[in-house]
Amino acid sequence: MSEEKKDTAATGQADNDKRSFGLQRIYLKDVSFESPRSPDVFRSEWRPAVSINIGMQSRPLGDDTHEVVLTLNVEAKQEDKVAMLIEVQQAGIFTIAGFNDQERHQILGILCPQNLFPFAREEIVNLSVKGGFPQLVLQPVNFERLYQQSLQQQPQAGEA
């Protein structure tokens, strides 16, 4: 009986050894910047109300590779009028091998966007400055929490 447990443990270890996660490429898929009220927006004190929407899509490319696209939409309003709009689609190609479907889904929904976010955040800072505005630095995002929230919303969407 103890030999069976050892064999099972060895097999489980072998399965874990076959697991791999890798980043093949990071690239900017799409970017947009708008400043519809310039140059008038620069004539008043800058106290924007900023809203951020985060989206994520993934698709298999074959052979354990996936494209993941993190989309950040940032809107800054000054006196209830849009001062600046930025959309960044930061993408990456990831290798995810040896994981079951649930684990792969979690990796695509949590780990991949966590790797892409710093690049998207940097692009937003650069675009805001190039547009003549102060740096717009986004706070860190808890992608695990967002993933859990999206799982909770999926059954509700099916019932509606």
Protein backbone atom coordinates (compact mmCIF):
# COMPACT_ATOMS: atom_id res chain seq x y z
CA MET A 1 0.00 0.00 0.00
CA SER A 2 2.79 2.43 0.78
CA GLU A 3 4.35 1.61 -2.61
CA GLU A 4 1.11 2.67 -4.34
CA LYS A 5 1.18 5.99 -2.53
CA LYS A 6 4.79 6.54 -3.54
CA ASP A 7 3.96 5.81 -7.17
CA THR A 8 1.01 8.21 -7.08
CA ALA A 9 3.15 10.88 -5.46
CA ALA A 10 5.87 10.36 -8.05
CA THR A 11 3.32 10.62 -10.88
CA GLY A 12 1.89 13.81 -9.38
CA GLN A 13 5.38 15.27 -9.17
CA ALA A 14 6.03 14.31 -12.78
CA ASP A 15 2.82 16.12 -13.82
CA ASN A 16 3.95 19.25 -11.97
CA ASP A 17 7.34 19.08 -13.71
CA LYS A 18 5.55 19.24 -17.10
CA ARG A 19 3.83 22.48 -16.19
CA SER A 20 5.19 25.65 -17.71
CA PHE A 21 4.21 29.28 -17.91
CA GLY A 22 6.15 31.65 -20.10
CA LEU A 23 5.93 35.03 -21.71
CA GLN A 24 6.91 34.99 -25.37
CA ARG A 25 6.16 38.57 -26.36
CA ILE A 26 4.61 41.79 -25.06
CA TYR A 27 3.29 44.32 -27.55
CA LEU A 28 1.03 47.32 -27.88
CA LYS A 29 -2.00 46.19 -29.89
CA ASP A 30 -3.95 49.47 -30.01
CA VAL A 31 -3.71 52.91 -28.49
CA SER A 32 -5.88 56.01 -28.64
CA PHE A 33 -5.54 59.47 -27.12
CA GLU A 34 -8.10 62.27 -27.35
CA SER A 35 -8.15 65.73 -25.85
CA PRO A 36 -11.45 67.13 -27.15
CA ARG A 37 -11.32 70.38 -25.16
CA SER A 38 -7.74 71.44 -25.85
CA PRO A 39 -6.38 74.05 -25.68
CA ASP A 40 -9.14 75.48 -23.46
CA VAL A 41 -8.73 72.71 -20.89
CA PHE A 42 -5.23 74.01 -20.08
CA ARG A 43 -6.57 77.39 -19.00
CA SER A 44 -8.14 76.18 -15.77
CA GLU A 45 -6.78 74.47 -12.67
CA TRP A 46 -6.34 70.74 -13.29
CA ARG A 47 -8.61 68.83 -10.89
CA PRO A 48 -9.98 65.97 -12.93
CA ALA A 49 -12.45 63.28 -12.03
CA VAL A 50 -10.82 60.15 -13.42
CA SER A 51 -12.60 56.91 -14.23
CA ILE A 52 -10.94 53.70 -15.36
CA ASN A 53 -12.48 50.66 -17.03
CA ILE A 54 -10.49 47.45 -17.30
CA GLY A 55 -11.20 44.63 -19.73
CA MET A 56 -9.39 41.47 -20.67
CA GLN A 57 -9.71 39.03 -23.55
CA SER A 58 -7.79 35.90 -24.36
CA ARG A 59 -7.73 33.51 -27.24
CA PRO A 60 -5.80 30.32 -27.91
CA LEU A 61 -3.21 30.46 -30.67
CA GLY A 62 -2.46 26.73 -30.63
CA ASP A 63 0.35 24.62 -29.16
CA ASP A 64 -0.27 25.83 -25.59
CA THR A 65 0.07 29.50 -26.59
CA HIS A 66 -2.50 32.19 -25.89
CA GLU A 67 -2.86 35.83 -26.76
CA VAL A 68 -4.07 37.95 -23.85
CA VAL A 69 -5.19 41.55 -24.39
CA LEU A 70 -5.58 43.88 -21.42
CA THR A 71 -7.66 46.96 -22.25
CA LEU A 72 -7.57 50.08 -20.09
CA ASN A 73 -9.97 52.94 -20.83
CA VAL A 74 -9.23 56.11 -18.90
CA GLU A 75 -11.48 59.15 -18.93
CA ALA A 76 -10.57 62.40 -17.20
CA LYS A 77 -13.34 64.97 -16.80
CA GLN A 78 -12.86 68.59 -15.86
CA GLU A 79 -16.02 70.40 -14.75
CA ASP A 80 -18.17 67.50 -16.01
CA LYS A 81 -16.69 67.77 -19.51
CA VAL A 82 -14.30 65.23 -21.01
CA ALA A 83 -10.79 66.61 -20.94
CA MET A 84 -8.85 63.50 -21.91
CA LEU A 85 -9.60 59.98 -23.14
CA ILE A 86 -6.99 57.25 -23.32
CA GLU A 87 -7.45 53.67 -24.45
CA VAL A 88 -4.58 51.22 -24.32
CA GLN A 89 -4.71 47.61 -25.47
CA GLN A 90 -1.59 45.95 -24.12
CA ALA A 91 -1.15 42.41 -25.38
CA GLY A 92 1.07 39.43 -24.80
CA ILE A 93 1.64 35.94 -26.07
CA PHE A 94 1.94 33.42 -23.26
CA THR A 95 2.82 29.74 -23.13
CA ILE A 96 0.67 27.82 -20.66
CA ALA A 97 1.26 24.08 -20.66
CA GLY A 98 0.45 21.19 -18.35
CA PHE A 99 -2.35 22.85 -16.40
CA ASN A 100 -5.95 21.69 -16.19
CA ASP A 101 -8.73 23.89 -17.63
CA GLN A 102 -9.53 25.62 -14.33
CA GLU A 103 -5.88 26.42 -13.61
CA ARG A 104 -5.34 27.68 -17.17
CA HIS A 105 -8.43 29.89 -16.87
CA GLN A 106 -7.06 31.38 -13.64
CA ILE A 107 -3.65 31.99 -15.18
CA LEU A 108 -5.25 33.74 -18.16
CA GLY A 109 -7.49 35.83 -15.89
CA ILE A 110 -4.99 36.72 -13.17
CA LEU A 111 -1.33 36.11 -13.91
CA CYS A 112 -1.31 37.22 -17.55
CA PRO A 113 -2.99 40.61 -16.97
CA GLN A 114 -0.73 41.16 -13.91
CA ASN A 115 2.24 40.83 -16.26
CA LEU A 116 0.74 43.20 -18.84
CA PHE A 117 -0.51 45.91 -16.47
CA PRO A 118 2.82 47.69 -15.78
CA PHE A 119 3.36 48.16 -19.52
CA ALA A 120 -0.15 49.54 -20.02
CA ARG A 121 0.23 51.84 -17.01
CA GLU A 122 3.50 53.21 -18.39
CA GLU A 123 1.84 53.89 -21.74
CA ILE A 124 -0.95 55.84 -20.02
CA VAL A 125 1.60 57.95 -18.14
CA ASN A 126 3.47 58.68 -21.39
CA LEU A 127 0.32 59.56 -23.33
CA SER A 128 -1.01 61.89 -20.64
CA VAL A 129 2.29 63.78 -20.50
CA LYS A 130 2.63 63.95 -24.30
CA GLY A 131 -0.93 65.30 -24.39
CA GLY A 132 0.15 68.24 -22.19
CA PHE A 133 -1.40 66.93 -18.96
CA PRO A 134 0.25 65.99 -15.66
CA GLN A 135 1.28 62.36 -15.25
CA LEU A 136 -1.72 60.10 -14.83
CA VAL A 137 -0.34 57.29 -12.68
CA LEU A 138 -2.69 54.37 -12.14
CA GLN A 139 -2.74 52.55 -8.82
CA PRO A 140 -1.99 48.82 -8.74
CA VAL A 141 -4.88 46.53 -9.62
CA ASN A 142 -5.86 43.36 -7.77
CA PHE A 143 -6.50 41.07 -10.73
CA GLU A 144 -7.29 38.13 -8.46
CA ARG A 145 -10.20 40.07 -6.97
CA LEU A 146 -11.41 41.15 -10.42
CA TYR A 147 -11.22 37.53 -11.57
CA GLN A 148 -13.28 36.35 -8.58
CA GLN A 149 -15.86 39.09 -9.22
CA SER A 150 -16.16 38.07 -12.87
CA LEU A 151 -16.76 34.44 -11.80
CA GLN A 152 -19.54 35.57 -9.45
CA GLN A 153 -21.19 37.64 -12.18
CA GLN A 154 -21.18 34.84 -14.78
CA PRO A 155 -23.98 32.76 -13.22
CA GLN A 156 -26.07 35.88 -12.69
CA ALA A 157 -25.71 36.81 -16.35
CA GLY A 158 -26.91 33.32 -17.33
CA GLU A 159 -30.01 33.64 -15.16
CA ALA A 160 -31.01 37.03 -16.55
